[in-house]
Protein backbone atom coordinates (compact mmCIF):
# COMPACT_ATOMS: atom_id res chain seq x y z
CA UNK A 1 125.60 93.52 103.19
CA UNK A 2 125.77 90.60 105.63
CA UNK A 3 126.12 88.16 102.75
CA UNK A 4 128.88 90.29 101.24
CA UNK A 5 130.75 90.28 104.55
CA UNK A 6 130.33 86.52 104.89
CA UNK A 7 131.54 86.02 101.31
CA UNK A 8 134.61 88.15 101.97
CA UNK A 9 135.45 86.34 105.21
CA UNK A 10 134.85 82.91 103.67
CA UNK A 11 136.99 83.85 100.68
CA UNK A 12 139.87 85.04 102.87
CA UNK A 13 139.77 81.91 105.04
CA UNK A 14 139.72 79.72 101.94
CA UNK A 15 142.64 81.71 100.49
CA UNK A 16 144.74 81.10 103.58
CA UNK A 17 143.92 77.39 103.90
CA UNK A 18 144.06 76.57 100.20
CA UNK A 19 147.17 78.69 99.67
CA UNK A 20 148.95 76.79 102.42
CA UNK A 21 148.00 73.46 100.84
CA UNK A 22 149.13 74.64 97.41
CA UNK A 23 152.55 75.73 98.70
CA UNK A 24 153.00 72.50 100.69
CA UNK A 25 152.00 70.30 97.76
CA UNK A 26 154.11 72.20 95.23
CA UNK A 27 157.14 72.22 97.54
CA UNK A 28 156.96 68.49 98.18
CA UNK A 29 156.46 67.79 94.49
CA UNK A 30 159.55 69.86 93.69
CA UNK A 31 161.54 67.96 96.33
CA UNK A 32 160.32 64.60 95.00
CA UNK A 33 161.48 65.64 91.52
CA UNK A 34 164.89 66.54 92.99
CA UNK A 35 164.74 70.18 91.98
CA UNK A 36 167.46 72.47 93.31
CA UNK A 37 166.70 74.45 96.48
CA UNK A 38 167.15 77.72 94.57
CA UNK A 39 164.40 76.72 92.16
CA UNK A 40 162.10 75.58 94.96
CA UNK A 41 162.59 78.81 96.87
CA UNK A 42 162.52 81.25 93.97
CA UNK A 43 159.86 79.70 91.77
CA UNK A 44 157.70 77.28 93.75
CA UNK A 45 157.48 79.01 97.13
CA UNK A 46 157.76 82.50 95.65
CA UNK A 47 154.84 81.92 93.30
CA UNK A 48 152.93 79.92 95.89
CA UNK A 49 152.93 82.57 98.61
CA UNK A 50 151.96 85.21 96.04
CA UNK A 51 149.24 83.07 94.44
CA UNK A 52 146.42 84.58 96.56
CA UNK A 53 147.48 88.13 95.65
CA UNK A 54 147.88 87.20 91.98
CA UNK A 55 144.47 85.55 91.64
CA UNK A 56 142.62 88.20 93.65
CA UNK A 57 144.19 91.13 91.76
CA UNK A 58 143.75 89.50 88.34
CA UNK A 59 140.11 88.64 88.98
CA UNK A 60 139.48 92.15 90.29
CA UNK A 61 140.91 93.59 87.06
CA UNK A 62 138.87 91.20 84.90
CA UNK A 63 135.71 92.13 86.84
CA UNK A 64 136.37 95.82 86.23
CA UNK A 65 137.59 96.62 89.76
CA UNK A 66 141.28 97.46 89.30
CA UNK A 67 141.20 99.60 92.47
CA UNK A 68 140.80 96.46 94.58
CA UNK A 69 143.58 94.71 92.67
CA UNK A 70 146.12 97.53 92.96
CA UNK A 71 145.05 98.16 96.56
CA UNK A 72 145.74 94.49 97.27
CA UNK A 73 149.28 94.72 95.84
CA UNK A 74 150.13 97.97 97.61
CA UNK A 75 148.51 96.87 100.87
CA UNK A 76 150.23 93.48 100.77
CA UNK A 77 153.62 95.12 100.29
CA UNK A 78 152.92 97.45 103.20
CA UNK A 79 151.62 94.63 105.41
CA UNK A 80 154.60 92.38 104.67
CA UNK A 81 157.19 94.91 105.80
CA UNK A 82 155.23 96.84 108.44
CA UNK A 83 153.20 94.13 110.15
CA UNK A 84 155.43 91.21 109.18
CA UNK A 85 158.86 92.72 109.79
CA UNK A 86 157.51 94.93 112.57
CA UNK A 87 156.06 92.07 114.58
CA UNK A 88 159.12 89.89 113.94
CA UNK A 89 161.44 92.68 115.13
CA UNK A 90 159.46 92.95 118.35
CA UNK A 91 159.88 89.22 118.93
CA UNK A 92 163.59 89.08 118.13
CA UNK A 93 166.34 91.20 116.49
CA UNK A 94 166.38 90.55 112.73
CA UNK A 95 169.95 90.69 111.33
CA UNK A 96 170.45 91.24 107.60
CA UNK A 97 173.02 89.09 105.84
CA UNK A 98 175.49 90.54 103.34
CA UNK A 99 173.61 88.84 100.50
CA UNK A 100 170.34 90.39 101.64
CA UNK A 101 171.89 93.86 101.88
CA UNK A 102 173.55 93.60 98.48
CA UNK A 103 170.82 91.83 96.52
CA UNK A 104 167.47 90.97 98.08
CA UNK A 105 166.58 94.17 99.96
CA UNK A 106 167.74 96.69 97.29
CA UNK A 107 165.91 94.79 94.53
CA UNK A 108 162.76 94.67 96.66
CA UNK A 109 162.91 98.46 97.03
CA UNK A 110 163.62 98.89 93.31
CA UNK A 111 160.70 96.70 92.19
CA UNK A 112 158.30 98.51 94.54
CA UNK A 113 159.49 101.83 93.08
CA UNK A 114 159.02 100.55 89.51
CA UNK A 115 155.48 99.42 90.26
CA UNK A 116 154.74 102.74 91.98
CA UNK A 117 155.96 104.73 88.97
CA UNK A 118 153.73 102.72 86.63
CA UNK A 119 150.50 103.12 88.63
CA UNK A 120 150.94 106.56 90.16
CA UNK A 121 149.37 108.13 87.06
CA UNK A 122 146.15 106.20 87.76
CA UNK A 123 146.49 103.63 84.99
CA UNK A 124 148.09 100.22 84.46
CA UNK A 125 148.24 99.27 80.78
CA UNK A 126 148.94 95.93 79.14
CA UNK A 127 152.30 97.25 77.94
CA UNK A 128 153.24 98.13 81.52
CA UNK A 129 152.00 94.73 82.68
CA UNK A 130 154.19 93.10 80.06
CA UNK A 131 157.19 95.09 81.29
CA UNK A 132 156.61 93.92 84.86
CA UNK A 133 156.22 90.31 83.69
CA UNK A 134 159.51 90.47 81.74
CA UNK A 135 161.28 91.89 84.79
CA UNK A 136 159.85 89.04 86.87
CA UNK A 137 161.16 86.47 84.40
CA UNK A 138 164.60 88.09 84.40
CA UNK A 139 164.55 88.18 88.20
CA UNK A 140 163.86 84.45 88.38
CA UNK A 141 166.70 83.71 85.96
CA UNK A 142 169.01 85.94 87.98
CA UNK A 143 168.07 84.34 91.30
CA UNK A 144 168.45 80.81 89.97
CA UNK A 145 171.79 81.51 88.30
CA UNK A 146 173.14 83.30 91.36
CA UNK A 147 172.42 80.16 93.36
CA UNK A 148 173.77 77.67 90.80
CA UNK A 149 176.20 76.23 93.35
CA UNK A 150 173.39 75.00 95.59
CA UNK A 151 173.38 71.20 95.95
CA UNK A 152 170.57 69.21 94.46
CA UNK A 153 167.75 68.76 96.93
CA UNK A 154 168.21 65.19 98.06
CA UNK A 155 165.63 65.89 100.70
CA UNK A 156 163.99 69.06 101.85
CA UNK A 157 162.94 69.84 105.36
CA UNK A 158 161.69 66.91 107.40
CA UNK A 159 158.10 67.46 106.38
CA UNK A 160 158.98 67.50 102.69
CA UNK A 161 161.26 64.50 102.73
CA UNK A 162 158.47 62.29 104.00
CA UNK A 163 156.51 62.84 100.77
CA UNK A 164 159.53 62.58 98.46
CA UNK A 165 158.37 59.22 97.17
CA UNK A 166 154.76 60.30 96.56
CA UNK A 167 154.85 62.87 93.77
CA UNK A 168 151.30 62.04 92.61
CA UNK A 169 149.83 62.82 96.03
CA UNK A 170 151.79 66.07 96.17
CA UNK A 171 150.55 67.00 92.69
CA UNK A 172 146.93 66.37 93.70
CA UNK A 173 147.43 68.44 96.85
CA UNK A 174 148.88 71.33 94.84
CA UNK A 175 146.08 71.23 92.25
CA UNK A 176 143.33 71.08 94.89
CA UNK A 177 145.01 73.93 96.76
CA UNK A 178 145.20 76.05 93.61
CA UNK A 179 141.52 75.41 92.87
CA UNK A 180 140.71 76.49 96.41
CA UNK A 181 142.69 79.69 95.88
CA UNK A 182 140.67 80.42 92.74
CA UNK A 183 137.33 79.93 94.51
CA UNK A 184 138.45 81.87 97.58
CA UNK A 185 139.70 84.75 95.43
CA UNK A 186 136.38 84.98 93.58
CA UNK A 187 134.46 85.10 96.87
CA UNK A 188 136.84 87.68 98.32
CA UNK A 189 136.60 89.98 95.28
CA UNK A 190 132.81 89.80 95.12
CA UNK A 191 132.43 90.36 98.85
CA UNK A 192 134.93 93.24 98.89
CA UNK A 193 133.27 94.93 95.92
CA UNK A 194 129.80 94.75 97.48
CA UNK A 195 131.07 95.94 100.88
CA UNK A 196 132.84 98.91 99.31
CA UNK A 197 129.57 99.94 97.66
CA UNK A 198 127.47 99.35 100.78
CA UNK A 199 129.81 101.23 103.14
CA UNK A 200 130.62 104.02 100.70
CA UNK A 201 134.32 103.14 100.77
CA UNK A 202 136.63 103.09 97.78
CA UNK A 203 137.64 99.77 96.31
CA UNK A 204 141.22 100.89 96.75
CA UNK A 205 140.86 101.15 100.51
CA UNK A 206 139.09 97.78 100.79
CA UNK A 207 141.84 96.19 98.71
CA UNK A 208 144.58 97.95 100.70
CA UNK A 209 143.18 96.97 104.09
CA UNK A 210 140.94 93.91 104.42
CA UNK A 211 141.81 92.04 101.21
CA UNK A 212 145.55 92.73 101.46
CA UNK A 213 145.66 91.63 105.07
CA UNK A 214 143.88 88.41 104.18
CA UNK A 215 146.15 87.58 101.26
CA UNK A 216 149.22 88.41 103.39
CA UNK A 217 148.27 86.07 106.23
CA UNK A 218 150.40 83.16 104.90
CA UNK A 219 153.51 85.37 104.97
CA UNK A 220 152.63 86.78 108.39
CA UNK A 221 152.04 83.34 109.88
CA UNK A 222 155.35 82.09 108.43
CA UNK A 223 157.19 85.09 109.85
CA UNK A 224 155.83 84.65 113.36
CA UNK A 225 156.68 80.93 113.33
CA UNK A 226 160.18 81.66 112.00
CA UNK A 227 160.75 84.36 114.63
CA UNK A 228 159.75 82.03 117.45
CA UNK A 229 162.31 79.52 116.15
CA UNK A 230 165.02 82.13 115.57
CA UNK A 231 165.18 81.80 111.76
CA UNK A 232 165.94 85.43 110.92
CA UNK A 233 167.27 84.71 107.41
CA UNK A 234 164.00 83.01 106.47
CA UNK A 235 162.06 86.06 107.63
CA UNK A 236 164.09 88.47 105.50
CA UNK A 237 163.94 86.27 102.42
CA UNK A 238 160.24 85.58 102.75
CA UNK A 239 159.10 89.18 103.28
CA UNK A 240 161.33 91.01 100.83
CA UNK A 241 161.00 88.21 98.28
CA UNK A 242 157.21 88.30 98.52
CA UNK A 243 157.26 92.03 97.80
CA UNK A 244 159.27 91.42 94.63
CA UNK A 245 156.68 88.87 93.45
CA UNK A 246 153.80 91.18 94.39
CA UNK A 247 155.24 94.14 92.49
CA UNK A 248 156.39 92.26 89.39
CA UNK A 249 154.44 88.98 89.05
CA UNK A 250 151.11 90.13 90.50
CA UNK A 251 151.35 93.59 88.97
CA UNK A 252 152.35 92.08 85.65
CA UNK A 253 149.47 89.58 85.64
CA UNK A 254 147.01 92.32 86.52
CA UNK A 255 148.26 94.57 83.74
CA UNK A 256 148.24 91.81 81.13
CA UNK A 257 144.58 90.95 81.76
CA UNK A 258 143.71 94.62 81.27
CA UNK A 259 143.68 96.59 84.51
CA UNK A 260 143.01 99.98 82.94
CA UNK A 261 142.18 103.10 84.93
CA UNK A 262 142.62 103.15 88.71
CA UNK A 263 139.94 105.48 90.05
CA UNK A 264 141.29 106.00 93.56
CA UNK A 265 143.48 109.12 94.01
CA UNK A 266 144.03 108.31 97.68
CA UNK A 267 145.42 104.89 96.75
CA UNK A 268 147.77 106.18 94.05
CA UNK A 269 148.77 109.00 96.38
CA UNK A 270 148.72 108.11 100.07
CA UNK A 271 148.75 104.36 99.47
CA UNK A 272 151.77 104.44 97.18
CA UNK A 273 153.45 106.92 99.55
CA UNK A 274 152.93 104.56 102.50
CA UNK A 275 154.35 101.64 100.52
CA UNK A 276 157.50 103.52 99.57
CA UNK A 277 157.90 104.89 103.10
CA UNK A 278 157.78 101.38 104.55
CA UNK A 279 160.21 99.80 102.08
CA UNK A 280 162.66 102.71 102.36
CA UNK A 281 162.49 102.71 106.16
CA UNK A 282 163.15 98.97 106.21
CA UNK A 283 166.06 99.40 103.78
CA UNK A 284 167.63 102.35 105.61
CA UNK A 285 167.28 100.54 108.93
CA UNK A 286 169.03 97.53 107.41
CA UNK A 287 171.86 99.65 106.00
CA UNK A 288 172.46 101.66 109.17
CA UNK A 289 172.09 99.03 111.85
CA UNK A 290 172.47 95.84 109.78
CA UNK A 291 169.45 94.61 111.70
CA UNK A 292 165.84 95.43 112.57
CA UNK A 293 165.30 95.94 116.28
CA UNK A 294 162.38 96.86 118.48
CA UNK A 295 162.54 100.57 117.65
CA UNK A 296 162.39 99.72 113.95
CA UNK A 297 159.49 97.37 114.62
CA UNK A 298 157.53 100.04 116.48
CA UNK A 299 158.19 102.58 113.70
CA UNK A 300 157.02 100.13 111.02
CA UNK A 301 153.83 99.25 112.93
CA UNK A 302 153.15 102.98 113.46
CA UNK A 303 153.40 103.59 109.71
CA UNK A 304 150.92 100.80 109.05
CA UNK A 305 148.40 102.21 111.55
CA UNK A 306 148.86 105.75 110.20
CA UNK A 307 148.42 104.64 106.59
CA UNK A 308 145.20 102.82 107.46
CA UNK A 309 143.78 105.87 109.21
CA UNK A 310 144.82 108.34 106.51
CA UNK A 311 143.65 106.18 103.61
CA UNK A 312 140.36 105.35 105.34
CA UNK A 313 139.51 108.97 106.10
CA UNK A 314 140.68 110.52 102.83
């Protein structure tokens, strides 16, 4: 059991570190190739921040542990909007732009609902995975076309512009980071599976709690840093955008590799219920107050704590 715990912890640490390197390398490579900001944000960063969830969930499905994979998706969605948005709202008020209210937030809620409807029956088929993947592709086309007026990225943020003339180094960094994500995901899945068996816990709960929290750390760290610098728009885009990728891209990848039956009624019941409660609360709060304040943050954090307790004891 000790080795399983060490494998899980080592895998999660490697996921965080390698995932950060992959995103940084891919972003700088995109800037060096003068890709448009919309493409960098929607494709490169969107895929990059969801890479840990995608690899972990896909490997879990391949290894015959779809409970861990689905638990990771559901738990990551919950963590993004309860822990991420909740903590950010405690640090500063989070206003929602008109674009976010009209496009980003509603689509995030819709994609979470679509994923919930597909897995609530305790099964995720290849056909359903293909449907999610098609929706992800259409979403990317929509996001890129809706931002077609963005100027070409002459230089990204200061950190990216410095590497604009070194695409080869950025490519190597991205590849090494992706390899690290693969190794870290394998360790995390094996450790989580063994711990679930040793502690008598369901794979769904382990995926929803420990694994999901680990794969969501890049988003959480970005949110805290953005809140301290007052970048509210970045917080909204990062969190709600990550949930779209989790529901469609990660769910689609997991279904396509053959997820199959999900043997965790508490996950497809309470877990899915907690996910929809969080996304709807965040959406309603945005519609009513046009911002997330401290009361919203406390409510979101309370939902996360309650979901952990209920799912762990059910």
